[in-house]
Protein backbone atom coordinates (compact mmCIF):
# COMPACT_ATOMS: atom_id res chain seq x y z
CA MET A 1 -59.50 43.61 14.45
CA SER A 2 -60.73 40.97 16.86
CA GLU A 3 -59.28 40.84 20.36
CA GLU A 4 -59.83 37.08 20.44
CA ARG A 5 -56.68 35.15 21.27
CA TRP A 6 -56.51 31.42 20.60
CA VAL A 7 -53.90 28.77 21.38
CA PHE A 8 -53.66 25.47 19.45
CA GLY A 9 -52.55 22.33 21.29
CA TYR A 10 -51.68 19.00 19.66
CA GLY A 11 -50.03 17.15 22.56
CA SER A 12 -50.23 17.61 26.30
CA LEU A 13 -51.66 21.12 25.90
CA MET A 14 -54.86 19.40 24.72
CA TRP A 15 -55.59 17.85 28.13
CA ARG A 16 -53.29 19.85 30.42
CA PRO A 17 -53.26 23.42 29.15
CA GLY A 18 -52.18 24.97 32.45
CA PHE A 19 -53.75 28.37 31.71
CA PRO A 20 -57.22 29.88 32.05
CA PHE A 21 -59.44 29.82 28.97
CA GLU A 22 -62.93 30.91 28.01
CA GLU A 23 -63.62 28.29 25.35
CA ARG A 24 -62.16 24.92 24.32
CA ARG A 25 -62.92 23.47 20.88
CA ALA A 26 -61.70 20.56 18.79
CA ALA A 27 -59.69 22.05 15.92
CA THR A 28 -57.62 21.10 12.89
CA LEU A 29 -54.38 22.70 11.74
CA HIS A 30 -53.58 22.10 8.07
CA GLY A 31 -50.03 21.98 6.73
CA ARG A 32 -48.46 20.40 9.82
CA ARG A 33 -48.57 16.91 11.27
CA ARG A 34 -48.07 15.56 14.78
CA ALA A 35 -44.72 13.75 14.85
CA PHE A 36 -41.98 12.54 17.16
CA CYS A 37 -39.41 14.70 15.38
CA ILE A 38 -37.42 16.39 18.16
CA TYR A 39 -34.55 14.72 20.03
CA SER A 40 -35.03 14.86 23.79
CA VAL A 41 -31.80 14.99 25.78
CA HIS A 42 -33.31 16.11 29.10
CA HIS A 43 -36.97 15.22 29.74
CA ARG A 44 -37.31 11.91 27.84
CA GLY A 45 -33.71 11.00 27.13
CA THR A 46 -30.08 11.95 27.72
CA TYR A 47 -27.19 13.11 25.57
CA ASP A 48 -25.89 9.52 25.60
CA ARG A 49 -29.32 8.01 24.90
CA PRO A 50 -31.64 10.59 23.32
CA GLY A 51 -35.36 10.02 23.20
CA LEU A 52 -37.96 11.81 21.08
CA VAL A 53 -40.71 14.32 21.83
CA LEU A 54 -43.57 15.69 19.79
CA GLY A 55 -43.48 18.51 17.34
CA LEU A 56 -45.50 19.86 14.46
CA ALA A 57 -43.57 18.74 11.40
CA PRO A 58 -44.25 20.08 7.89
CA GLY A 59 -47.01 18.37 5.90
CA GLY A 60 -50.39 16.80 6.57
CA ALA A 61 -52.94 18.00 9.10
CA THR A 62 -53.30 17.73 12.86
CA ARG A 63 -56.43 17.37 14.94
CA GLY A 64 -56.03 19.02 18.31
CA MET A 65 -57.68 21.56 20.61
CA ALA A 66 -57.99 25.31 20.37
CA PHE A 67 -58.41 27.43 23.49
CA ARG A 68 -59.81 30.96 23.48
CA VAL A 69 -58.06 33.05 26.11
CA ALA A 70 -59.66 36.18 27.55
CA PRO A 71 -57.78 39.41 26.80
CA ARG A 72 -57.25 39.98 30.55
CA ASP A 73 -55.47 36.58 30.78
CA TRP A 74 -53.41 36.81 27.60
CA ASP A 75 -50.17 38.29 28.96
CA GLY A 76 -49.90 35.68 31.73
CA THR A 77 -50.89 32.85 29.38
CA TYR A 78 -48.38 33.94 26.76
CA ALA A 79 -45.56 34.16 29.34
CA TYR A 80 -46.49 30.72 30.69
CA LEU A 81 -46.51 29.18 27.20
CA LYS A 82 -43.14 30.71 26.28
CA GLU A 83 -41.63 29.15 29.41
CA ARG A 84 -43.37 25.79 28.92
CA GLU A 85 -42.85 25.38 25.17
CA GLN A 86 -39.51 27.10 24.62
CA PRO A 87 -36.99 25.88 27.22
CA THR A 88 -34.50 24.87 24.49
CA GLU A 89 -36.03 26.93 21.67
CA THR A 90 -36.78 23.86 19.54
CA TYR A 91 -40.06 25.43 18.40
CA ILE A 92 -40.93 28.48 16.36
CA GLU A 93 -43.80 30.56 17.64
CA ALA A 94 -46.30 31.33 14.87
CA SER A 95 -49.86 32.41 14.20
CA ARG A 96 -51.78 29.97 11.99
CA ALA A 97 -55.37 29.54 10.89
CA VAL A 98 -57.13 26.59 12.48
CA ARG A 99 -60.59 25.25 11.68
CA LEU A 100 -62.75 24.71 14.74
CA ALA A 101 -65.09 21.72 14.84
CA ASP A 102 -68.07 24.09 14.62
CA GLY A 103 -66.78 25.42 11.27
CA ARG A 104 -65.24 28.70 12.41
CA ARG A 105 -61.74 29.64 11.27
CA VAL A 106 -59.59 31.42 13.84
CA GLU A 107 -55.97 32.51 14.09
CA ALA A 108 -54.16 30.66 16.87
CA LEU A 109 -50.77 30.73 18.51
CA VAL A 110 -48.93 27.52 17.63
CA PHE A 111 -45.44 26.25 18.29
CA LEU A 112 -44.02 24.69 15.13
CA SER A 113 -40.94 22.46 15.02
CA ASP A 114 -37.81 24.38 14.08
CA VAL A 115 -36.31 22.28 11.29
CA GLY A 116 -33.04 24.22 11.64
CA HIS A 117 -32.57 23.46 15.36
CA PRO A 118 -29.85 20.94 16.34
CA GLN A 119 -32.49 18.82 18.16
CA TRP A 120 -34.60 18.49 14.96
CA ALA A 121 -34.69 14.76 14.19
CA GLY A 122 -36.42 15.13 10.85
CA ALA A 123 -38.66 12.67 9.09
CA LEU A 124 -37.64 9.45 10.81
CA SER A 125 -39.27 6.16 9.88
CA LEU A 126 -41.65 4.73 12.48
CA GLU A 127 -39.13 1.94 13.04
CA ARG A 128 -36.34 4.43 13.83
CA GLN A 129 -38.67 6.41 16.11
CA ALA A 130 -39.54 3.19 17.96
CA GLU A 131 -35.84 2.37 18.32
CA LEU A 132 -35.14 5.78 19.88
CA ILE A 133 -38.20 5.81 22.16
CA ALA A 134 -37.85 2.23 23.45
CA GLY A 135 -35.69 2.27 26.56
CA ALA A 136 -35.08 6.04 26.57
CA ARG A 137 -35.50 7.76 29.94
CA GLY A 138 -34.94 11.32 31.11
CA LEU A 139 -35.77 13.73 33.93
CA SER A 140 -39.52 13.39 33.24
CA GLY A 141 -39.49 9.60 33.02
CA ARG A 142 -39.61 6.91 30.35
CA ASN A 143 -40.10 8.00 26.77
CA VAL A 144 -42.63 5.21 26.11
CA ASP A 145 -44.81 6.53 28.95
CA TYR A 146 -44.97 9.91 27.18
CA LEU A 147 -46.08 8.18 23.96
CA ARG A 148 -48.57 5.92 25.80
CA ASP A 149 -50.05 8.95 27.60
CA LEU A 150 -50.41 10.76 24.28
CA VAL A 151 -52.24 7.89 22.58
CA ARG A 152 -54.56 7.38 25.58
CA HIS A 153 -55.47 11.06 25.76
CA LEU A 154 -55.98 11.33 21.99
CA ARG A 155 -58.39 8.38 22.15
CA GLU A 156 -60.26 10.03 25.05
CA GLU A 157 -60.65 13.15 22.90
CA GLY A 158 -61.97 11.05 20.00
CA VAL A 159 -58.80 11.50 17.94
CA ARG A 160 -57.46 8.38 16.29
CA ASP A 161 -53.92 9.07 15.12
CA ALA A 162 -52.97 5.94 13.20
CA ALA A 163 -49.25 6.80 13.07
CA MET A 164 -49.06 7.36 16.85
CA GLU A 165 -50.95 4.14 17.55
CA ARG A 166 -48.72 2.15 15.21
CA LEU A 167 -45.62 3.73 16.77
CA LEU A 168 -46.80 2.73 20.25
CA GLY A 169 -47.29 -0.84 19.04
CA LEU A 170 -43.74 -0.92 17.64
CA VAL A 171 -42.24 0.50 20.85
CA GLU A 172 -44.16 -1.92 23.08
CA ALA A 173 -43.07 -4.86 20.89
CA ARG A 174 -39.44 -3.74 21.16
CA GLU A 175 -39.67 -3.37 24.91
CA LEU A 176 -41.28 -6.82 25.28
CA ALA A 177 -38.46 -8.27 23.18
CA GLY A 178 -35.95 -6.60 25.50
CA GLY A 179 -34.60 -4.02 23.11
């Protein structure tokens, strides 16, 4: 059995992993899609005015980044990721096959959206997502800034996510209109 340990990132982990790694490769995860499908009541919203944050929802495929972590760094990396990705346990830790851009298939640690968690928003229309994101603000700032940052970083990585770009357009239009 290989001692290789990989981590798959589809959001901020792509550009701000926060852990040491030996290799970074563009990768695709099949069977899950990047989506604003988790209610945020702390970082990008409040209980009175929830926002939305990213998750890996069932269906589709997601282009992201895979990071190979050295065995000597795994325990610290794993502990860091549990703390970073699981503060409210809205994700399920799993091992999934991802296809690296160079054609290799590797098993990677991923954090999938927990569809049974109370913060699971489900398959919201882009219009409903825009309504929730526009104007929402939490401890980490405005929800639209989180979305804008995501789209900018995806573009820098050569990833065009049409749904995220369309969502940003809808949110910005709402905010310009004052609602």
